Structure formats: structure tokens, C-alpha cells
Amino acid sequence: METVGLRELRQHASDLVRRAEDGEEIAITVSGRPSARLVPARPRRWRRWSDVAELFAGPADPAWDADREEVAQDVRDPWSAR
């Protein structure tokens, strides 16, 4: 969680609110001591593409390609000439 002072909050309020809307939590300090937290009003329904892409970043199942080939061999077009 990032910490910002009251002066920085005044100078960059719109940017800090935008970041909170994106899900970031920001601690506000007064004279160096924590005083408040800026948090999203409610969880975001949509996620950023980078967050979703992380779900698919891992290695693929090695058996998937073999299964796909096996299924592809069994699929036939019923309208093609036999």
C-alpha cells in the first residue's frame, strides 16, 4: 500500500482517486502518521487486461495438443463428398 502525505493528496487528488478506482489502496498521512485510507468504494466488476493475461501466462497442458489432434481426426463434414 502506497503512503502519501496530506500535501500530496491536495496536489494530486484526481490521480489518487483514479488509482483507488482501479483497485489500489492508498494510506494518507498527517504529520507523518497514518490518518486515513483511500480505497475503492466497491470492487471493480471488470479487470485490466494485464490482470487477466496473468491467468493464461503459465505453461499449457502438454496433453492438450494431442487431444486436439485426436478430436480433429474424428470430425467429418457431413456435407462433403464421401
PDB file of N, CA and C in Angstrom:
ATOM      1  N   MET A   1       0.863  -1.164   0.000  1.00  0.00           N
ATOM      2  CA  MET A   1       0.000   0.000   0.000  1.00  0.00           C
ATOM      3  C   MET A   1       0.909   1.226   0.000  1.00  0.00           C
ATOM      4  N   GLU A   2       0.658   2.121  -0.925  1.00  0.00           N
ATOM      5  CA  GLU A   2       1.436   3.357  -1.003  1.00  0.00           C
ATOM      6  C   GLU A   2       0.963   4.335   0.068  1.00  0.00           C
ATOM      7  N   THR A   3       1.891   5.136   0.549  1.00  0.00           N
ATOM      8  CA  THR A   3       1.580   6.149   1.549  1.00  0.00           C
ATOM      9  C   THR A   3       1.835   7.525   0.952  1.00  0.00           C
ATOM     10  N   VAL A   4       0.877   8.440   1.102  1.00  0.00           N
ATOM     11  CA  VAL A   4       1.044   9.814   0.622  1.00  0.00           C
ATOM     12  C   VAL A   4       0.676  10.774   1.748  1.00  0.00           C
ATOM     13  N   GLY A   5       1.364  11.902   1.740  1.00  0.00           N
ATOM     14  CA  GLY A   5       1.072  12.925   2.732  1.00  0.00           C
ATOM     15  C   GLY A   5      -0.125  13.756   2.313  1.00  0.00           C
ATOM     16  N   LEU A   6      -0.612  14.530   3.252  1.00  0.00           N
ATOM     17  CA  LEU A   6      -1.782  15.371   3.006  1.00  0.00           C
ATOM     18  C   LEU A   6      -1.522  16.383   1.892  1.00  0.00           C
ATOM     19  N   ARG A   7      -0.320  16.945   1.849  1.00  0.00           N
ATOM     20  CA  ARG A   7       0.016  17.913   0.796  1.00  0.00           C
ATOM     21  C   ARG A   7      -0.056  17.256  -0.586  1.00  0.00           C
ATOM     22  N   GLU A   8       0.517  16.051  -0.695  1.00  0.00           N
ATOM     23  CA  GLU A   8       0.471  15.343  -1.980  1.00  0.00           C
ATOM     24  C   GLU A   8      -0.969  14.998  -2.357  1.00  0.00           C
ATOM     25  N   LEU A   9      -1.783  14.658  -1.375  1.00  0.00           N
ATOM     26  CA  LEU A   9      -3.197  14.383  -1.638  1.00  0.00           C
ATOM     27  C   LEU A   9      -3.874  15.608  -2.243  1.00  0.00           C
ATOM     28  N   ARG A  10      -3.603  16.779  -1.681  1.00  0.00           N
ATOM     29  CA  ARG A  10      -4.201  18.011  -2.219  1.00  0.00           C
ATOM     30  C   ARG A  10      -3.744  18.281  -3.644  1.00  0.00           C
ATOM     31  N   GLN A  11      -2.465  18.048  -3.914  1.00  0.00           N
ATOM     32  CA  GLN A  11      -1.901  18.361  -5.227  1.00  0.00           C
ATOM     33  C   GLN A  11      -2.299  17.355  -6.299  1.00  0.00           C
ATOM     34  N   HIS A  12      -2.539  16.118  -5.911  1.00  0.00           N
ATOM     35  CA  HIS A  12      -2.787  15.052  -6.899  1.00  0.00           C
ATOM     36  C   HIS A  12      -4.062  14.273  -6.586  1.00  0.00           C
ATOM     37  N   ALA A  13      -5.069  14.937  -6.084  1.00  0.00           N
ATOM     38  CA  ALA A  13      -6.295  14.253  -5.647  1.00  0.00           C
ATOM     39  C   ALA A  13      -6.941  13.445  -6.768  1.00  0.00           C
ATOM     40  N   SER A  14      -7.086  14.039  -7.957  1.00  0.00           N
ATOM     41  CA  SER A  14      -7.790  13.319  -9.029  1.00  0.00           C
ATOM     42  C   SER A  14      -7.023  12.070  -9.454  1.00  0.00           C
ATOM     43  N   ASP A  15      -5.699  12.146  -9.514  1.00  0.00           N
ATOM     44  CA  ASP A  15      -4.898  10.979  -9.881  1.00  0.00           C
ATOM     45  C   ASP A  15      -5.015   9.887  -8.815  1.00  0.00           C
ATOM     46  N   LEU A  16      -4.962  10.283  -7.549  1.00  0.00           N
ATOM     47  CA  LEU A  16      -5.066   9.306  -6.466  1.00  0.00           C
ATOM     48  C   LEU A  16      -6.444   8.650  -6.429  1.00  0.00           C
ATOM     49  N   VAL A  17      -7.486   9.417  -6.688  1.00  0.00           N
ATOM     50  CA  VAL A  17      -8.840   8.841  -6.725  1.00  0.00           C
ATOM     51  C   VAL A  17      -8.955   7.864  -7.890  1.00  0.00           C
ATOM     52  N   ARG A  18      -8.387   8.211  -9.031  1.00  0.00           N
ATOM     53  CA  ARG A  18      -8.416   7.318 -10.196  1.00  0.00           C
ATOM     54  C   ARG A  18      -7.710   5.997  -9.867  1.00  0.00           C
ATOM     55  N   ARG A  19      -6.586   6.094  -9.187  1.00  0.00           N
ATOM     56  CA  ARG A  19      -5.862   4.880  -8.807  1.00  0.00           C
ATOM     57  C   ARG A  19      -6.677   4.039  -7.832  1.00  0.00           C
ATOM     58  N   ALA A  20      -7.369   4.695  -6.909  1.00  0.00           N
ATOM     59  CA  ALA A  20      -8.229   3.958  -5.975  1.00  0.00           C
ATOM     60  C   ALA A  20      -9.367   3.277  -6.728  1.00  0.00           C
ATOM     61  N   GLU A  21      -9.915   3.946  -7.727  1.00  0.00           N
ATOM     62  CA  GLU A  21     -10.969   3.326  -8.544  1.00  0.00           C
ATOM     63  C   GLU A  21     -10.455   2.084  -9.251  1.00  0.00           C
ATOM     64  N   ASP A  22      -9.163   2.071  -9.578  1.00  0.00           N
ATOM     65  CA  ASP A  22      -8.553   0.915 -10.238  1.00  0.00           C
ATOM     66  C   ASP A  22      -8.215  -0.205  -9.264  1.00  0.00           C
ATOM     67  N   GLY A  23      -8.537   0.003  -7.977  1.00  0.00           N
ATOM     68  CA  GLY A  23      -8.351  -1.060  -7.000  1.00  0.00           C
ATOM     69  C   GLY A  23      -7.191  -0.868  -6.043  1.00  0.00           C
ATOM     70  N   GLU A  24      -6.425   0.190  -6.214  1.00  0.00           N
ATOM     71  CA  GLU A  24      -5.275   0.427  -5.338  1.00  0.00           C
ATOM     72  C   GLU A  24      -5.727   1.050  -4.017  1.00  0.00           C
ATOM     73  N   GLU A  25      -5.090   0.655  -2.925  1.00  0.00           N
ATOM     74  CA  GLU A  25      -5.357   1.265  -1.627  1.00  0.00           C
ATOM     75  C   GLU A  25      -4.206   2.208  -1.302  1.00  0.00           C
ATOM     76  N   ILE A  26      -4.522   3.405  -0.828  1.00  0.00           N
ATOM     77  CA  ILE A  26      -3.519   4.426  -0.558  1.00  0.00           C
ATOM     78  C   ILE A  26      -3.713   4.927   0.866  1.00  0.00           C
ATOM     79  N   ALA A  27      -2.629   4.915   1.649  1.00  0.00           N
ATOM     80  CA  ALA A  27      -2.677   5.421   3.020  1.00  0.00           C
ATOM     81  C   ALA A  27      -2.372   6.918   2.998  1.00  0.00           C
ATOM     82  N   ILE A  28      -3.161   7.699   3.729  1.00  0.00           N
ATOM     83  CA  ILE A  28      -2.972   9.142   3.834  1.00  0.00           C
ATOM     84  C   ILE A  28      -2.366   9.433   5.204  1.00  0.00           C
ATOM     85  N   THR A  29      -1.285  10.220   5.216  1.00  0.00           N
ATOM     86  CA  THR A  29      -0.655  10.566   6.487  1.00  0.00           C
ATOM     87  C   THR A  29      -0.798  12.054   6.771  1.00  0.00           C
ATOM     88  N   VAL A  30      -0.855  12.380   8.055  1.00  0.00           N
ATOM     89  CA  VAL A  30      -0.855  13.769   8.523  1.00  0.00           C
ATOM     90  C   VAL A  30       0.311  13.877   9.496  1.00  0.00           C
ATOM     91  N   SER A  31       1.244  14.753   9.180  1.00  0.00           N
ATOM     92  CA  SER A  31       2.460  14.917  10.001  1.00  0.00           C
ATOM     93  C   SER A  31       3.201  13.594  10.175  1.00  0.00           C
ATOM     94  N   GLY A  32       3.196  12.770   9.119  1.00  0.00           N
ATOM     95  CA  GLY A  32       3.939  11.519   9.129  1.00  0.00           C
ATOM     96  C   GLY A  32       3.252  10.335   9.779  1.00  0.00           C
ATOM     97  N   ARG A  33       2.088  10.535  10.348  1.00  0.00           N
ATOM     98  CA  ARG A  33       1.394   9.402  10.979  1.00  0.00           C
ATOM     99  C   ARG A  33       0.169   9.030  10.147  1.00  0.00           C
ATOM    100  N   PRO A  34      -0.112   7.735  10.018  1.00  0.00           N
ATOM    101  CA  PRO A  34      -1.276   7.301   9.236  1.00  0.00           C
ATOM    102  C   PRO A  34      -2.560   7.895   9.803  1.00  0.00           C
ATOM    103  N   SER A  35      -3.377   8.437   8.903  1.00  0.00           N
ATOM    104  CA  SER A  35      -4.609   9.086   9.341  1.00  0.00           C
ATOM    105  C   SER A  35      -5.851   8.506   8.662  1.00  0.00           C
ATOM    106  N   ALA A  36      -5.708   8.115   7.394  1.00  0.00           N
ATOM    107  CA  ALA A  36      -6.868   7.608   6.646  1.00  0.00           C
ATOM    108  C   ALA A  36      -6.374   6.713   5.518  1.00  0.00           C
ATOM    109  N   ARG A  37      -7.328   6.001   4.918  1.00  0.00           N
ATOM    110  CA  ARG A  37      -7.030   5.178   3.744  1.00  0.00           C
ATOM    111  C   ARG A  37      -7.983   5.552   2.629  1.00  0.00           C
ATOM    112  N   LEU A  38      -7.447   5.637   1.427  1.00  0.00           N
ATOM    113  CA  LEU A  38      -8.254   5.868   0.234  1.00  0.00           C
ATOM    114  C   LEU A  38      -8.397   4.511  -0.443  1.00  0.00           C
ATOM    115  N   VAL A  39      -9.627   3.989  -0.488  1.00  0.00           N
ATOM    116  CA  VAL A  39      -9.879   2.651  -1.028  1.00  0.00           C
ATOM    117  C   VAL A  39     -11.032   2.722  -2.025  1.00  0.00           C
ATOM    118  N   PRO A  40     -11.150   1.737  -2.911  1.00  0.00           N
ATOM    119  CA  PRO A  40     -12.280   1.731  -3.844  1.00  0.00           C
ATOM    120  C   PRO A  40     -13.608   1.639  -3.090  1.00  0.00           C
ATOM    121  N   ALA A  41     -14.625   2.308  -3.613  1.00  0.00           N
ATOM    122  CA  ALA A  41     -15.952   2.272  -2.992  1.00  0.00           C
ATOM    123  C   ALA A  41     -16.551   0.872  -3.070  1.00  0.00           C
ATOM    124  N   ARG A  42     -16.294   0.174  -4.152  1.00  0.00           N
ATOM    125  CA  ARG A  42     -16.778  -1.201  -4.316  1.00  0.00           C
ATOM    126  C   ARG A  42     -15.825  -1.911  -5.272  1.00  0.00           C
ATOM    127  N   PRO A  43     -15.771  -3.219  -5.201  1.00  0.00           N
ATOM    128  CA  PRO A  43     -14.862  -3.951  -6.093  1.00  0.00           C
ATOM    129  C   PRO A  43     -15.217  -3.697  -7.554  1.00  0.00           C
ATOM    130  N   ARG A  44     -14.189  -3.623  -8.361  1.00  0.00           N
ATOM    131  CA  ARG A  44     -14.413  -3.437  -9.796  1.00  0.00           C
ATOM    132  C   ARG A  44     -14.992  -4.700 -10.398  1.00  0.00           C
ATOM    133  N   ARG A  45     -15.925  -4.520 -11.277  1.00  0.00           N
ATOM    134  CA  ARG A  45     -16.510  -5.665 -11.967  1.00  0.00           C
ATOM    135  C   ARG A  45     -15.584  -6.141 -13.078  1.00  0.00           C
ATOM    136  N   TRP A  46     -14.971  -5.220 -13.772  1.00  0.00           N
ATOM    137  CA  TRP A  46     -14.064  -5.535 -14.868  1.00  0.00           C
ATOM    138  C   TRP A  46     -12.636  -5.505 -14.370  1.00  0.00           C
ATOM    139  N   ARG A  47     -11.815  -6.307 -14.958  1.00  0.00           N
ATOM    140  CA  ARG A  47     -10.401  -6.357 -14.606  1.00  0.00           C
ATOM    141  C   ARG A  47      -9.568  -5.849 -15.775  1.00  0.00           C
ATOM    142  N   ARG A  48      -8.393  -5.341 -15.449  1.00  0.00           N
ATOM    143  CA  ARG A  48      -7.474  -4.903 -16.500  1.00  0.00           C
ATOM    144  C   ARG A  48      -6.992  -6.109 -17.295  1.00  0.00           C
ATOM    145  N   TRP A  49      -6.675  -5.880 -18.585  1.00  0.00           N
ATOM    146  CA  TRP A  49      -6.215  -6.958 -19.446  1.00  0.00           C
ATOM    147  C   TRP A  49      -4.962  -7.606 -18.871  1.00  0.00           C
ATOM    148  N   SER A  50      -4.051  -6.820 -18.318  1.00  0.00           N
ATOM    149  CA  SER A  50      -2.817  -7.389 -17.770  1.00  0.00           C
ATOM    150  C   SER A  50      -3.118  -8.358 -16.624  1.00  0.00           C
ATOM    151  N   ASP A  51      -4.146  -8.069 -15.823  1.00  0.00           N
ATOM    152  CA  ASP A  51      -4.526  -8.979 -14.737  1.00  0.00           C
ATOM    153  C   ASP A  51      -5.091 -10.286 -15.283  1.00  0.00           C
ATOM    154  N   VAL A  52      -5.888 -10.191 -16.329  1.00  0.00           N
ATOM    155  CA  VAL A  52      -6.477 -11.386 -16.939  1.00  0.00           C
ATOM    156  C   VAL A  52      -5.399 -12.194 -17.659  1.00  0.00           C
ATOM    157  N   ALA A  53      -4.484 -11.513 -18.339  1.00  0.00           N
ATOM    158  CA  ALA A  53      -3.430 -12.203 -19.086  1.00  0.00           C
ATOM    159  C   ALA A  53      -2.551 -13.045 -18.166  1.00  0.00           C
ATOM    160  N   GLU A  54      -2.381 -12.614 -16.913  1.00  0.00           N
ATOM    161  CA  GLU A  54      -1.581 -13.386 -15.961  1.00  0.00           C
ATOM    162  C   GLU A  54      -2.159 -14.785 -15.746  1.00  0.00           C
ATOM    163  N   LEU A  55      -3.473 -14.923 -15.854  1.00  0.00           N
ATOM    164  CA  LEU A  55      -4.105 -16.227 -15.665  1.00  0.00           C
ATOM    165  C   LEU A  55      -3.682 -17.223 -16.738  1.00  0.00           C
ATOM    166  N   PHE A  56      -3.365 -16.709 -17.931  1.00  0.00           N
ATOM    167  CA  PHE A  56      -3.027 -17.570 -19.055  1.00  0.00           C
ATOM    168  C   PHE A  56      -1.532 -17.587 -19.348  1.00  0.00           C
ATOM    169  N   ALA A  57      -0.723 -17.014 -18.474  1.00  0.00           N
ATOM    170  CA  ALA A  57       0.709 -16.896 -18.724  1.00  0.00           C
ATOM    171  C   ALA A  57       1.465 -18.199 -18.472  1.00  0.00           C
ATOM    172  N   GLY A  58       0.887 -19.108 -17.742  1.00  0.00           N
ATOM    173  CA  GLY A  58       1.573 -20.352 -17.397  1.00  0.00           C
ATOM    174  C   GLY A  58       1.691 -21.291 -18.584  1.00  0.00           C
ATOM    175  N   PRO A  59       2.434 -22.369 -18.398  1.00  0.00           N
ATOM    176  CA  PRO A  59       2.596 -23.338 -19.491  1.00  0.00           C
ATOM    177  C   PRO A  59       1.278 -24.051 -19.803  1.00  0.00           C
ATOM    178  N   ALA A  60       1.112 -24.382 -21.064  1.00  0.00           N
ATOM    179  CA  ALA A  60      -0.102 -25.084 -21.498  1.00  0.00           C
ATOM    180  C   ALA A  60      -0.009 -26.559 -21.104  1.00  0.00           C
ATOM    181  N   ASP A  61      -1.154 -27.194 -21.033  1.00  0.00           N
ATOM    182  CA  ASP A  61      -1.213 -28.619 -20.722  1.00  0.00           C
ATOM    183  C   ASP A  61      -0.577 -29.386 -21.883  1.00  0.00           C
ATOM    184  N   PRO A  62       0.458 -30.191 -21.638  1.00  0.00           N
ATOM    185  CA  PRO A  62       1.132 -30.890 -22.735  1.00  0.00           C
ATOM    186  C   PRO A  62       0.223 -31.886 -23.463  1.00  0.00           C
ATOM    187  N   ALA A  63      -0.775 -32.427 -22.798  1.00  0.00           N
ATOM    188  CA  ALA A  63      -1.665 -33.401 -23.436  1.00  0.00           C
ATOM    189  C   ALA A  63      -2.723 -32.723 -24.295  1.00  0.00           C
ATOM    190  N   TRP A  64      -2.883 -31.407 -24.157  1.00  0.00           N
ATOM    191  CA  TRP A  64      -3.936 -30.705 -24.881  1.00  0.00           C
ATOM    192  C   TRP A  64      -3.758 -30.816 -26.384  1.00  0.00           C
ATOM    193  N   ASP A  65      -2.548 -30.627 -26.885  1.00  0.00           N
ATOM    194  CA  ASP A  65      -2.314 -30.670 -28.330  1.00  0.00           C
ATOM    195  C   ASP A  65      -2.611 -32.062 -28.883  1.00  0.00           C
ATOM    196  N   ALA A  66      -2.231 -33.101 -28.167  1.00  0.00           N
ATOM    197  CA  ALA A  66      -2.512 -34.468 -28.620  1.00  0.00           C
ATOM    198  C   ALA A  66      -4.015 -34.727 -28.630  1.00  0.00           C
ATOM    199  N   ASP A  67      -4.713 -34.271 -27.602  1.00  0.00           N
ATOM    200  CA  ASP A  67      -6.171 -34.436 -27.560  1.00  0.00           C
ATOM    201  C   ASP A  67      -6.838 -33.698 -28.712  1.00  0.00           C
ATOM    202  N   ARG A  68      -6.363 -32.503 -29.013  1.00  0.00           N
ATOM    203  CA  ARG A  68      -6.941 -31.709 -30.101  1.00  0.00           C
ATOM    204  C   ARG A  68      -6.761 -32.427 -31.436  1.00  0.00           C
ATOM    205  N   GLU A  69      -5.587 -32.998 -31.667  1.00  0.00           N
ATOM    206  CA  GLU A  69      -5.336 -33.735 -32.906  1.00  0.00           C
ATOM    207  C   GLU A  69      -6.251 -34.953 -33.013  1.00  0.00           C
ATOM    208  N   GLU A  70      -6.441 -35.649 -31.909  1.00  0.00           N
ATOM    209  CA  GLU A  70      -7.299 -36.832 -31.908  1.00  0.00           C
ATOM    210  C   GLU A  70      -8.744 -36.460 -32.236  1.00  0.00           C
ATOM    211  N   VAL A  71      -9.233 -35.403 -31.659  1.00  0.00           N
ATOM    212  CA  VAL A  71     -10.598 -34.949 -31.936  1.00  0.00           C
ATOM    213  C   VAL A  71     -10.712 -34.494 -33.385  1.00  0.00           C
ATOM    214  N   ALA A  72      -9.716 -33.782 -33.886  1.00  0.00           N
ATOM    215  CA  ALA A  72      -9.755 -33.278 -35.258  1.00  0.00           C
ATOM    216  C   ALA A  72      -9.835 -34.425 -36.266  1.00  0.00           C
ATOM    217  N   GLN A  73      -9.215 -35.553 -35.965  1.00  0.00           N
ATOM    218  CA  GLN A  73      -9.255 -36.692 -36.884  1.00  0.00           C
ATOM    219  C   GLN A  73     -10.646 -37.313 -36.944  1.00  0.00           C
ATOM    220  N   ASP A  74     -11.401 -37.235 -35.861  1.00  0.00           N
ATOM    221  CA  ASP A  74     -12.730 -37.842 -35.808  1.00  0.00           C
ATOM    222  C   ASP A  74     -13.829 -36.940 -36.357  1.00  0.00           C
ATOM    223  N   VAL A  75     -13.559 -35.668 -36.534  1.00  0.00           N
ATOM    224  CA  VAL A  75     -14.577 -34.728 -37.005  1.00  0.00           C
ATOM    225  C   VAL A  75     -14.626 -34.773 -38.524  1.00  0.00           C
ATOM    226  N   ARG A  76     -15.835 -34.961 -39.045  1.00  0.00           N
ATOM    227  CA  ARG A  76     -16.012 -35.018 -40.502  1.00  0.00           C
ATOM    228  C   ARG A  76     -17.123 -34.066 -40.913  1.00  0.00           C
ATOM    229  N   ASP A  77     -17.012 -33.531 -42.105  1.00  0.00           N
ATOM    230  CA  ASP A  77     -18.034 -32.642 -42.647  1.00  0.00           C
ATOM    231  C   ASP A  77     -19.130 -33.514 -43.261  1.00  0.00           C
ATOM    232  N   PRO A  78     -20.371 -33.466 -42.736  1.00  0.00           N
ATOM    233  CA  PRO A  78     -21.434 -34.330 -43.262  1.00  0.00           C
ATOM    234  C   PRO A  78     -21.851 -33.950 -44.682  1.00  0.00           C
ATOM    235  N   TRP A  79     -21.498 -32.774 -45.140  1.00  0.00           N
ATOM    236  CA  TRP A  79     -21.920 -32.315 -46.455  1.00  0.00           C
ATOM    237  C   TRP A  79     -20.859 -32.536 -47.527  1.00  0.00           C
ATOM    238  N   SER A  80     -19.687 -32.988 -47.132  1.00  0.00           N
ATOM    239  CA  SER A  80     -18.643 -33.197 -48.137  1.00  0.00           C
ATOM    240  C   SER A  80     -18.862 -34.540 -48.832  1.00  0.00           C
ATOM    241  N   ALA A  81     -18.289 -34.666 -50.020  1.00  0.00           N
ATOM    242  CA  ALA A  81     -18.397 -35.931 -50.764  1.00  0.00           C
ATOM    243  C   ALA A  81     -17.608 -37.003 -50.018  1.00  0.00           C
ATOM    244  N   ARG A  82     -18.175 -38.209 -50.002  1.00  0.00           N
ATOM    245  CA  ARG A  82     -17.517 -39.292 -49.256  1.00  0.00           C
ATOM    246  C   ARG A  82     -16.634 -40.080 -50.133  1.00  0.00           C
TER     247      ARG A  82
END
